[in-house]
């Protein structure tokens, strides 16, 4: 197990969406990830870098290369990426091809972290644990499971990720 610092790259997605009132749409606002980590009393050193505030459906190839570049250039070898769930596996493929030798764990939420009933806290905790104990490669931590990021898909009907 590593005692090194974990890098958290935030990209947006549902985990960072905010809902203002019944007449407004969800908006991605300032990342709530630092507050979640403080509330969880994470004792492991970590660093949070906000890369963008986008719904994953709006991510471009250039955005994915920016995420890969930030991961590759970082001194940390354990990296957590908060990401929207719709295109998480697409970003995972880019990370697997572009960032060798590091442990990268993507996670997100099916409902915003700001909601009382959310999977965000649990998924973020799972991702932190996986970044410490998984081997080098790219992983997805969602719903109490850690998946090989190249062998998983989002099952929209079931509302969860499933191995393939």
N, C-alpha and C. Protein backbone atom coordinates (compact mmCIF):
# COMPACT_ATOMS: atom_id res chain seq x y z
N UNK A 1 0.86 -1.18 0.00
CA UNK A 1 0.00 0.00 0.00
C UNK A 1 0.90 1.24 0.00
N UNK A 2 0.47 2.25 -0.73
CA UNK A 2 1.27 3.47 -0.84
C UNK A 2 0.89 4.48 0.24
N UNK A 3 1.86 5.28 0.63
CA UNK A 3 1.56 6.39 1.54
C UNK A 3 1.81 7.70 0.82
N UNK A 4 2.02 7.61 -0.49
CA UNK A 4 2.23 8.81 -1.29
C UNK A 4 0.95 9.62 -1.40
N UNK A 5 1.13 10.85 -1.79
CA UNK A 5 0.00 11.73 -2.03
C UNK A 5 -0.82 11.24 -3.22
N UNK A 6 -2.12 11.45 -3.14
CA UNK A 6 -3.03 11.13 -4.24
C UNK A 6 -3.38 12.44 -4.96
N UNK A 7 -3.34 12.41 -6.27
CA UNK A 7 -3.79 13.54 -7.07
C UNK A 7 -5.25 13.30 -7.45
N UNK A 8 -6.08 14.31 -7.25
CA UNK A 8 -7.48 14.24 -7.66
C UNK A 8 -7.68 15.26 -8.77
N UNK A 9 -8.01 14.76 -9.96
CA UNK A 9 -8.31 15.62 -11.09
C UNK A 9 -9.82 15.70 -11.23
N UNK A 10 -10.38 16.90 -11.17
CA UNK A 10 -11.83 17.04 -11.34
C UNK A 10 -12.12 17.55 -12.74
N UNK A 11 -13.15 16.97 -13.35
CA UNK A 11 -13.50 17.34 -14.72
C UNK A 11 -14.95 17.81 -14.85
N UNK A 12 -15.74 17.64 -13.80
CA UNK A 12 -17.15 18.00 -13.86
C UNK A 12 -18.00 16.76 -13.71
N UNK A 13 -19.05 16.67 -14.50
CA UNK A 13 -19.95 15.53 -14.42
C UNK A 13 -20.98 15.70 -13.33
N UNK A 14 -21.84 14.72 -13.22
CA UNK A 14 -22.95 14.79 -12.25
C UNK A 14 -22.46 14.98 -10.83
N UNK A 15 -21.32 14.41 -10.47
CA UNK A 15 -20.82 14.53 -9.11
C UNK A 15 -20.71 15.98 -8.68
N UNK A 16 -20.44 16.88 -9.62
CA UNK A 16 -20.28 18.31 -9.31
C UNK A 16 -21.44 19.18 -9.80
N UNK A 17 -22.57 18.57 -10.12
CA UNK A 17 -23.72 19.36 -10.56
C UNK A 17 -24.47 19.94 -9.37
N UNK A 18 -25.08 21.09 -9.61
CA UNK A 18 -25.89 21.76 -8.60
C UNK A 18 -27.25 22.06 -9.21
N UNK A 19 -28.27 21.97 -8.41
CA UNK A 19 -29.64 22.21 -8.84
C UNK A 19 -30.18 23.35 -8.00
N UNK A 20 -30.54 24.44 -8.64
CA UNK A 20 -30.90 25.65 -7.91
C UNK A 20 -32.37 25.71 -7.50
N UNK A 21 -33.25 25.34 -8.39
CA UNK A 21 -34.67 25.33 -8.05
C UNK A 21 -35.42 24.50 -9.09
N UNK A 22 -36.69 24.34 -8.93
CA UNK A 22 -37.48 23.47 -9.80
C UNK A 22 -37.53 23.96 -11.25
N UNK A 23 -37.26 25.22 -11.48
CA UNK A 23 -37.31 25.76 -12.83
C UNK A 23 -35.96 25.79 -13.53
N UNK A 24 -34.91 25.48 -12.83
CA UNK A 24 -33.58 25.54 -13.44
C UNK A 24 -33.08 24.14 -13.79
N UNK A 25 -32.08 24.12 -14.65
CA UNK A 25 -31.43 22.87 -15.01
C UNK A 25 -30.21 22.69 -14.12
N UNK A 26 -29.71 21.46 -14.07
CA UNK A 26 -28.47 21.21 -13.36
C UNK A 26 -27.36 22.02 -14.00
N UNK A 27 -26.48 22.55 -13.17
CA UNK A 27 -25.30 23.25 -13.66
C UNK A 27 -24.09 22.71 -12.93
N UNK A 28 -22.98 22.59 -13.64
CA UNK A 28 -21.75 22.18 -12.98
C UNK A 28 -21.12 23.43 -12.39
N UNK A 29 -20.91 23.41 -11.09
CA UNK A 29 -20.40 24.57 -10.37
C UNK A 29 -19.01 24.24 -9.81
N UNK A 30 -18.53 25.10 -8.92
CA UNK A 30 -17.24 24.81 -8.28
C UNK A 30 -17.25 23.38 -7.77
N UNK A 31 -16.13 22.72 -7.90
CA UNK A 31 -16.06 21.33 -7.45
C UNK A 31 -16.29 21.20 -5.96
N UNK A 32 -17.14 20.29 -5.59
CA UNK A 32 -17.39 19.98 -4.19
C UNK A 32 -16.46 18.93 -3.64
N UNK A 33 -15.54 18.44 -4.46
CA UNK A 33 -14.64 17.36 -4.05
C UNK A 33 -13.77 17.75 -2.86
N UNK A 34 -13.14 18.93 -2.83
CA UNK A 34 -12.35 19.28 -1.64
C UNK A 34 -13.17 19.22 -0.35
N UNK A 35 -14.40 19.69 -0.41
CA UNK A 35 -15.25 19.66 0.79
C UNK A 35 -15.60 18.23 1.18
N UNK A 36 -15.87 17.38 0.21
CA UNK A 36 -16.16 15.97 0.51
C UNK A 36 -14.97 15.30 1.20
N UNK A 37 -13.78 15.58 0.72
CA UNK A 37 -12.58 14.97 1.30
C UNK A 37 -12.32 15.50 2.71
N UNK A 38 -12.60 16.78 2.92
CA UNK A 38 -12.45 17.35 4.26
C UNK A 38 -13.47 16.73 5.21
N UNK A 39 -14.72 16.64 4.76
CA UNK A 39 -15.78 16.05 5.58
C UNK A 39 -15.47 14.59 5.93
N UNK A 40 -14.83 13.88 5.00
CA UNK A 40 -14.48 12.48 5.23
C UNK A 40 -13.24 12.32 6.10
N UNK A 41 -12.62 13.43 6.43
CA UNK A 41 -11.41 13.43 7.26
C UNK A 41 -10.29 12.57 6.66
N UNK A 42 -10.10 12.73 5.36
CA UNK A 42 -9.06 11.97 4.67
C UNK A 42 -7.72 12.36 5.25
N UNK A 43 -7.00 11.38 5.78
CA UNK A 43 -5.70 11.63 6.42
C UNK A 43 -4.54 11.51 5.44
N UNK A 44 -4.75 10.80 4.37
CA UNK A 44 -3.72 10.63 3.35
C UNK A 44 -3.50 11.97 2.65
N UNK A 45 -2.25 12.35 2.41
CA UNK A 45 -2.03 13.60 1.68
C UNK A 45 -2.65 13.52 0.28
N UNK A 46 -3.26 14.62 -0.15
CA UNK A 46 -3.84 14.66 -1.49
C UNK A 46 -3.75 16.08 -2.02
N UNK A 47 -3.89 16.15 -3.32
CA UNK A 47 -3.89 17.44 -4.02
C UNK A 47 -5.03 17.39 -5.02
N UNK A 48 -5.83 18.47 -5.08
CA UNK A 48 -6.95 18.54 -6.01
C UNK A 48 -6.63 19.56 -7.09
N UNK A 49 -6.82 19.15 -8.33
CA UNK A 49 -6.60 20.03 -9.47
C UNK A 49 -7.86 20.02 -10.33
N UNK A 50 -8.54 21.15 -10.40
CA UNK A 50 -9.73 21.25 -11.24
C UNK A 50 -9.30 21.52 -12.67
N UNK A 51 -9.58 20.57 -13.56
CA UNK A 51 -9.19 20.73 -14.96
C UNK A 51 -10.27 21.41 -15.80
N UNK A 52 -11.52 21.06 -15.51
CA UNK A 52 -12.63 21.63 -16.28
C UNK A 52 -13.92 21.39 -15.53
N UNK A 53 -14.98 22.01 -16.01
CA UNK A 53 -16.32 21.85 -15.43
C UNK A 53 -17.27 21.51 -16.58
N UNK A 54 -17.24 20.25 -16.99
CA UNK A 54 -18.04 19.86 -18.15
C UNK A 54 -18.85 18.60 -17.85
N UNK A 55 -20.01 18.53 -18.46
CA UNK A 55 -20.74 17.28 -18.52
C UNK A 55 -19.91 16.36 -19.41
N UNK A 56 -19.83 15.08 -19.07
CA UNK A 56 -18.96 14.21 -19.86
C UNK A 56 -19.42 14.08 -21.30
N UNK A 57 -20.69 14.31 -21.58
CA UNK A 57 -21.17 14.26 -22.96
C UNK A 57 -20.59 15.41 -23.80
N UNK A 58 -20.09 16.45 -23.12
CA UNK A 58 -19.51 17.60 -23.82
C UNK A 58 -17.99 17.53 -23.93
N UNK A 59 -17.38 16.49 -23.38
CA UNK A 59 -15.92 16.38 -23.45
C UNK A 59 -15.48 16.10 -24.89
N UNK A 60 -14.37 16.70 -25.27
CA UNK A 60 -13.81 16.53 -26.60
C UNK A 60 -12.55 15.67 -26.52
N UNK A 61 -12.03 15.29 -27.67
CA UNK A 61 -10.75 14.57 -27.69
C UNK A 61 -9.66 15.41 -27.06
N UNK A 62 -9.69 16.72 -27.31
CA UNK A 62 -8.69 17.62 -26.72
C UNK A 62 -8.81 17.63 -25.19
N UNK A 63 -10.04 17.60 -24.67
CA UNK A 63 -10.23 17.54 -23.22
C UNK A 63 -9.63 16.26 -22.65
N UNK A 64 -9.86 15.15 -23.32
CA UNK A 64 -9.33 13.87 -22.84
C UNK A 64 -7.80 13.86 -22.87
N UNK A 65 -7.22 14.47 -23.88
CA UNK A 65 -5.76 14.57 -23.93
C UNK A 65 -5.23 15.49 -22.83
N UNK A 66 -5.99 16.52 -22.46
CA UNK A 66 -5.60 17.40 -21.35
C UNK A 66 -5.61 16.61 -20.04
N UNK A 67 -6.63 15.79 -19.83
CA UNK A 67 -6.69 14.95 -18.63
C UNK A 67 -5.49 14.01 -18.60
N UNK A 68 -5.20 13.39 -19.74
CA UNK A 68 -4.06 12.47 -19.82
C UNK A 68 -2.75 13.19 -19.55
N UNK A 69 -2.59 14.38 -20.11
CA UNK A 69 -1.36 15.15 -19.90
C UNK A 69 -1.18 15.51 -18.43
N UNK A 70 -2.26 15.94 -17.77
CA UNK A 70 -2.17 16.28 -16.35
C UNK A 70 -1.78 15.06 -15.52
N UNK A 71 -2.33 13.92 -15.85
CA UNK A 71 -2.00 12.68 -15.13
C UNK A 71 -0.55 12.26 -15.39
N UNK A 72 -0.15 12.33 -16.63
CA UNK A 72 1.21 11.91 -17.01
C UNK A 72 2.28 12.80 -16.39
N UNK A 73 2.02 14.11 -16.35
CA UNK A 73 3.02 15.07 -15.87
C UNK A 73 3.05 15.19 -14.35
N UNK A 74 2.06 14.68 -13.68
CA UNK A 74 1.98 14.79 -12.22
C UNK A 74 3.05 13.94 -11.53
N UNK A 75 3.58 14.41 -10.42
CA UNK A 75 4.55 13.59 -9.68
C UNK A 75 3.88 12.41 -8.97
N UNK A 76 2.58 12.51 -8.71
CA UNK A 76 1.87 11.43 -8.02
C UNK A 76 1.71 10.22 -8.95
N UNK A 77 1.77 9.03 -8.36
CA UNK A 77 1.54 7.81 -9.14
C UNK A 77 0.15 7.25 -8.91
N UNK A 78 -0.53 7.72 -7.87
CA UNK A 78 -1.92 7.35 -7.62
C UNK A 78 -2.81 8.54 -7.94
N UNK A 79 -3.74 8.33 -8.86
CA UNK A 79 -4.56 9.45 -9.35
C UNK A 79 -6.03 9.05 -9.36
N UNK A 80 -6.87 9.94 -8.85
CA UNK A 80 -8.32 9.78 -8.92
C UNK A 80 -8.84 10.85 -9.86
N UNK A 81 -9.70 10.45 -10.79
CA UNK A 81 -10.30 11.39 -11.73
C UNK A 81 -11.81 11.37 -11.50
N UNK A 82 -12.38 12.52 -11.11
CA UNK A 82 -13.84 12.61 -11.01
C UNK A 82 -14.36 13.00 -12.38
N UNK A 83 -15.38 12.30 -12.83
CA UNK A 83 -15.77 12.36 -14.25
C UNK A 83 -17.24 12.02 -14.37
N UNK A 84 -17.90 12.55 -15.36
CA UNK A 84 -19.26 12.15 -15.65
C UNK A 84 -19.30 10.69 -16.10
N UNK A 85 -20.38 10.01 -15.78
CA UNK A 85 -20.43 8.57 -16.03
C UNK A 85 -20.74 8.21 -17.49
N UNK A 86 -21.35 9.11 -18.25
CA UNK A 86 -21.76 8.76 -19.61
C UNK A 86 -20.60 8.43 -20.54
N UNK A 87 -19.47 9.13 -20.40
CA UNK A 87 -18.33 8.85 -21.29
C UNK A 87 -17.06 8.50 -20.51
N UNK A 88 -17.24 8.05 -19.29
CA UNK A 88 -16.11 7.69 -18.44
C UNK A 88 -15.21 6.64 -19.11
N UNK A 89 -15.83 5.66 -19.77
CA UNK A 89 -15.03 4.59 -20.39
C UNK A 89 -14.23 5.11 -21.58
N UNK A 90 -14.74 6.12 -22.27
CA UNK A 90 -13.98 6.71 -23.39
C UNK A 90 -12.71 7.39 -22.89
N UNK A 91 -12.84 8.14 -21.81
CA UNK A 91 -11.67 8.79 -21.22
C UNK A 91 -10.70 7.74 -20.68
N UNK A 92 -11.23 6.68 -20.10
CA UNK A 92 -10.38 5.61 -19.58
C UNK A 92 -9.50 5.02 -20.68
N UNK A 93 -10.04 4.84 -21.87
CA UNK A 93 -9.25 4.29 -23.00
C UNK A 93 -8.10 5.22 -23.35
N UNK A 94 -8.36 6.52 -23.34
CA UNK A 94 -7.29 7.49 -23.65
C UNK A 94 -6.22 7.44 -22.55
N UNK A 95 -6.65 7.41 -21.30
CA UNK A 95 -5.69 7.35 -20.19
C UNK A 95 -4.84 6.08 -20.26
N UNK A 96 -5.46 4.96 -20.59
CA UNK A 96 -4.72 3.70 -20.68
C UNK A 96 -3.66 3.76 -21.78
N UNK A 97 -3.97 4.43 -22.86
CA UNK A 97 -3.02 4.54 -23.97
C UNK A 97 -1.94 5.59 -23.74
N UNK A 98 -2.28 6.63 -22.99
CA UNK A 98 -1.40 7.79 -22.87
C UNK A 98 -0.60 7.90 -21.57
N UNK A 99 -1.00 7.15 -20.53
CA UNK A 99 -0.36 7.32 -19.22
C UNK A 99 0.06 5.97 -18.66
N UNK A 100 1.23 5.48 -19.04
CA UNK A 100 1.69 4.19 -18.51
C UNK A 100 2.28 4.33 -17.10
N UNK A 101 2.22 3.24 -16.36
CA UNK A 101 2.94 3.16 -15.10
C UNK A 101 2.31 3.83 -13.90
N UNK A 102 1.10 4.33 -14.04
CA UNK A 102 0.43 4.97 -12.91
C UNK A 102 -0.87 4.24 -12.63
N UNK A 103 -1.37 4.40 -11.42
CA UNK A 103 -2.66 3.85 -11.03
C UNK A 103 -3.68 4.97 -11.10
N UNK A 104 -4.59 4.86 -12.06
CA UNK A 104 -5.58 5.91 -12.29
C UNK A 104 -6.96 5.31 -12.06
N UNK A 105 -7.74 5.95 -11.21
CA UNK A 105 -9.08 5.47 -10.88
C UNK A 105 -10.09 6.56 -11.21
N UNK A 106 -10.98 6.25 -12.13
CA UNK A 106 -12.06 7.18 -12.47
C UNK A 106 -13.27 6.86 -11.61
N UNK A 107 -13.96 7.90 -11.19
CA UNK A 107 -15.19 7.73 -10.42
C UNK A 107 -16.11 8.90 -10.70
N UNK A 108 -17.33 8.75 -10.30
CA UNK A 108 -18.32 9.80 -10.49
C UNK A 108 -19.51 9.50 -9.62
N UNK A 109 -20.66 9.97 -10.04
CA UNK A 109 -21.88 9.73 -9.27
C UNK A 109 -23.07 9.71 -10.22
N UNK A 110 -24.07 8.96 -9.82
CA UNK A 110 -25.31 8.92 -10.59
C UNK A 110 -26.29 9.99 -10.13
N UNK A 111 -25.99 10.61 -8.97
CA UNK A 111 -26.73 11.79 -8.53
C UNK A 111 -25.72 12.75 -7.91
N UNK A 112 -25.98 14.05 -7.98
CA UNK A 112 -25.00 15.05 -7.52
C UNK A 112 -24.59 14.86 -6.06
N UNK A 113 -23.33 15.16 -5.78
CA UNK A 113 -22.79 15.05 -4.42
C UNK A 113 -23.54 15.96 -3.45
N UNK A 114 -24.13 17.02 -3.95
CA UNK A 114 -24.85 17.96 -3.10
C UNK A 114 -26.21 17.44 -2.66
N UNK A 115 -26.66 16.33 -3.23
CA UNK A 115 -27.95 15.74 -2.85
C UNK A 115 -27.78 14.91 -1.57
N UNK A 116 -28.81 14.86 -0.78
CA UNK A 116 -28.75 14.07 0.46
C UNK A 116 -28.59 12.58 0.15
N UNK A 117 -29.29 12.10 -0.86
CA UNK A 117 -29.16 10.70 -1.26
C UNK A 117 -28.31 10.63 -2.51
N UNK A 118 -27.04 10.37 -2.31
CA UNK A 118 -26.09 10.33 -3.42
C UNK A 118 -25.10 9.20 -3.21
N UNK A 119 -24.57 8.73 -4.30
CA UNK A 119 -23.52 7.72 -4.26
C UNK A 119 -22.13 8.36 -4.32
N UNK A 120 -22.06 9.67 -4.40
CA UNK A 120 -20.79 10.38 -4.59
C UNK A 120 -19.77 10.10 -3.50
N UNK A 121 -20.19 10.19 -2.23
CA UNK A 121 -19.25 10.01 -1.12
C UNK A 121 -18.63 8.61 -1.16
N UNK A 122 -19.49 7.62 -1.31
CA UNK A 122 -19.03 6.24 -1.31
C UNK A 122 -18.10 5.97 -2.49
N UNK A 123 -18.49 6.45 -3.67
CA UNK A 123 -17.66 6.21 -4.85
C UNK A 123 -16.30 6.89 -4.73
N UNK A 124 -16.28 8.09 -4.19
CA UNK A 124 -15.01 8.80 -4.02
C UNK A 124 -14.12 8.04 -3.03
N UNK A 125 -14.70 7.55 -1.95
CA UNK A 125 -13.93 6.74 -1.00
C UNK A 125 -13.38 5.48 -1.64
N UNK A 126 -14.21 4.81 -2.42
CA UNK A 126 -13.75 3.61 -3.13
C UNK A 126 -12.58 3.95 -4.06
N UNK A 127 -12.69 5.07 -4.75
CA UNK A 127 -11.63 5.46 -5.68
C UNK A 127 -10.33 5.75 -4.94
N UNK A 128 -10.43 6.40 -3.77
CA UNK A 128 -9.22 6.67 -2.98
C UNK A 128 -8.57 5.35 -2.54
N UNK A 129 -9.38 4.42 -2.10
CA UNK A 129 -8.85 3.12 -1.68
C UNK A 129 -8.20 2.39 -2.85
N UNK A 130 -8.89 2.38 -3.98
CA UNK A 130 -8.36 1.69 -5.17
C UNK A 130 -7.05 2.32 -5.63
N UNK A 131 -6.95 3.65 -5.58
CA UNK A 131 -5.72 4.33 -6.01
C UNK A 131 -4.53 3.93 -5.14
N UNK A 132 -4.80 3.49 -3.93
CA UNK A 132 -3.73 3.08 -3.02
C UNK A 132 -3.35 1.61 -3.18
N UNK A 133 -4.30 0.76 -3.53
CA UNK A 133 -3.99 -0.67 -3.51
C UNK A 133 -4.00 -1.37 -4.87
N UNK A 134 -4.62 -0.77 -5.87
CA UNK A 134 -4.64 -1.40 -7.20
C UNK A 134 -3.27 -1.23 -7.86
N UNK A 135 -3.00 -2.10 -8.77
CA UNK A 135 -1.75 -2.00 -9.52
C UNK A 135 -1.84 -0.93 -10.58
N UNK A 136 -0.72 -0.67 -11.25
CA UNK A 136 -0.74 0.31 -12.33
C UNK A 136 -1.78 -0.07 -13.38
N UNK A 137 -2.42 0.92 -13.93
CA UNK A 137 -3.46 0.71 -14.93
C UNK A 137 -4.57 1.70 -14.71
N UNK A 138 -5.66 1.50 -15.42
CA UNK A 138 -6.80 2.41 -15.32
C UNK A 138 -8.00 1.61 -14.83
N UNK A 139 -8.65 2.15 -13.83
CA UNK A 139 -9.73 1.47 -13.12
C UNK A 139 -10.94 2.40 -13.03
N UNK A 140 -12.10 1.82 -12.84
CA UNK A 140 -13.32 2.58 -12.57
C UNK A 140 -13.90 2.07 -11.26
N UNK A 141 -14.12 3.00 -10.31
CA UNK A 141 -14.71 2.64 -9.02
C UNK A 141 -16.11 3.26 -8.94
N UNK A 142 -17.11 2.40 -8.96
CA UNK A 142 -18.50 2.84 -8.91
C UNK A 142 -19.33 1.78 -8.19
N UNK A 143 -20.26 2.22 -7.38
CA UNK A 143 -21.27 1.35 -6.76
C UNK A 143 -20.68 0.17 -6.00
N UNK A 144 -19.59 0.41 -5.29
CA UNK A 144 -19.00 -0.63 -4.47
C UNK A 144 -18.15 -1.64 -5.22
N UNK A 145 -17.86 -1.36 -6.48
CA UNK A 145 -17.04 -2.27 -7.27
C UNK A 145 -15.90 -1.50 -7.92
N UNK A 146 -14.79 -2.21 -8.15
CA UNK A 146 -13.68 -1.66 -8.89
C UNK A 146 -13.53 -2.51 -10.15
N UNK A 147 -13.61 -1.84 -11.29
CA UNK A 147 -13.57 -2.52 -12.59
C UNK A 147 -12.29 -2.18 -13.34
N UNK A 148 -11.81 -3.13 -14.12
CA UNK A 148 -10.80 -2.84 -15.13
C UNK A 148 -11.50 -1.88 -16.10
N UNK A 149 -10.96 -0.70 -16.26
CA UNK A 149 -11.65 0.33 -17.04
C UNK A 149 -11.80 -0.02 -18.51
N UNK A 150 -11.03 -0.97 -18.99
CA UNK A 150 -11.15 -1.37 -20.39
C UNK A 150 -12.10 -2.54 -20.58
N UNK A 151 -12.67 -3.01 -19.45
CA UNK A 151 -13.59 -4.15 -19.52
C UNK A 151 -14.87 -3.86 -18.73
N UNK A 152 -15.44 -2.71 -18.97
CA UNK A 152 -16.66 -2.30 -18.25
C UNK A 152 -17.49 -1.41 -19.16
N UNK A 153 -18.78 -1.38 -18.89
CA UNK A 153 -19.66 -0.45 -19.60
C UNK A 153 -20.72 0.05 -18.63
N UNK A 154 -21.30 1.18 -18.96
CA UNK A 154 -22.40 1.71 -18.16
C UNK A 154 -23.69 1.10 -18.69
N UNK A 155 -24.45 0.47 -17.81
CA UNK A 155 -25.76 -0.07 -18.14
C UNK A 155 -26.78 0.98 -17.72
N UNK A 156 -27.24 1.76 -18.67
CA UNK A 156 -28.16 2.87 -18.36
C UNK A 156 -29.49 2.36 -17.80
N UNK A 157 -29.95 1.21 -18.27
CA UNK A 157 -31.21 0.66 -17.80
C UNK A 157 -31.13 0.30 -16.33
N UNK A 158 -30.04 -0.36 -15.96
CA UNK A 158 -29.86 -0.79 -14.56
C UNK A 158 -29.34 0.35 -13.68
N UNK A 159 -28.79 1.40 -14.29
CA UNK A 159 -28.24 2.51 -13.52
C UNK A 159 -26.97 2.16 -12.78
N UNK A 160 -26.10 1.37 -13.45
CA UNK A 160 -24.83 0.98 -12.82
C UNK A 160 -23.86 0.52 -13.90
N UNK A 161 -22.61 0.33 -13.47
CA UNK A 161 -21.59 -0.19 -14.37
C UNK A 161 -21.56 -1.71 -14.24
N UNK A 162 -21.26 -2.37 -15.37
CA UNK A 162 -21.18 -3.83 -15.38
C UNK A 162 -19.94 -4.25 -16.14
N UNK A 163 -19.32 -5.32 -15.67
CA UNK A 163 -18.15 -5.86 -16.36
C UNK A 163 -18.55 -6.46 -17.68
N UNK A 164 -17.64 -6.37 -18.65
CA UNK A 164 -17.87 -7.01 -19.96
C UNK A 164 -16.76 -7.99 -20.26
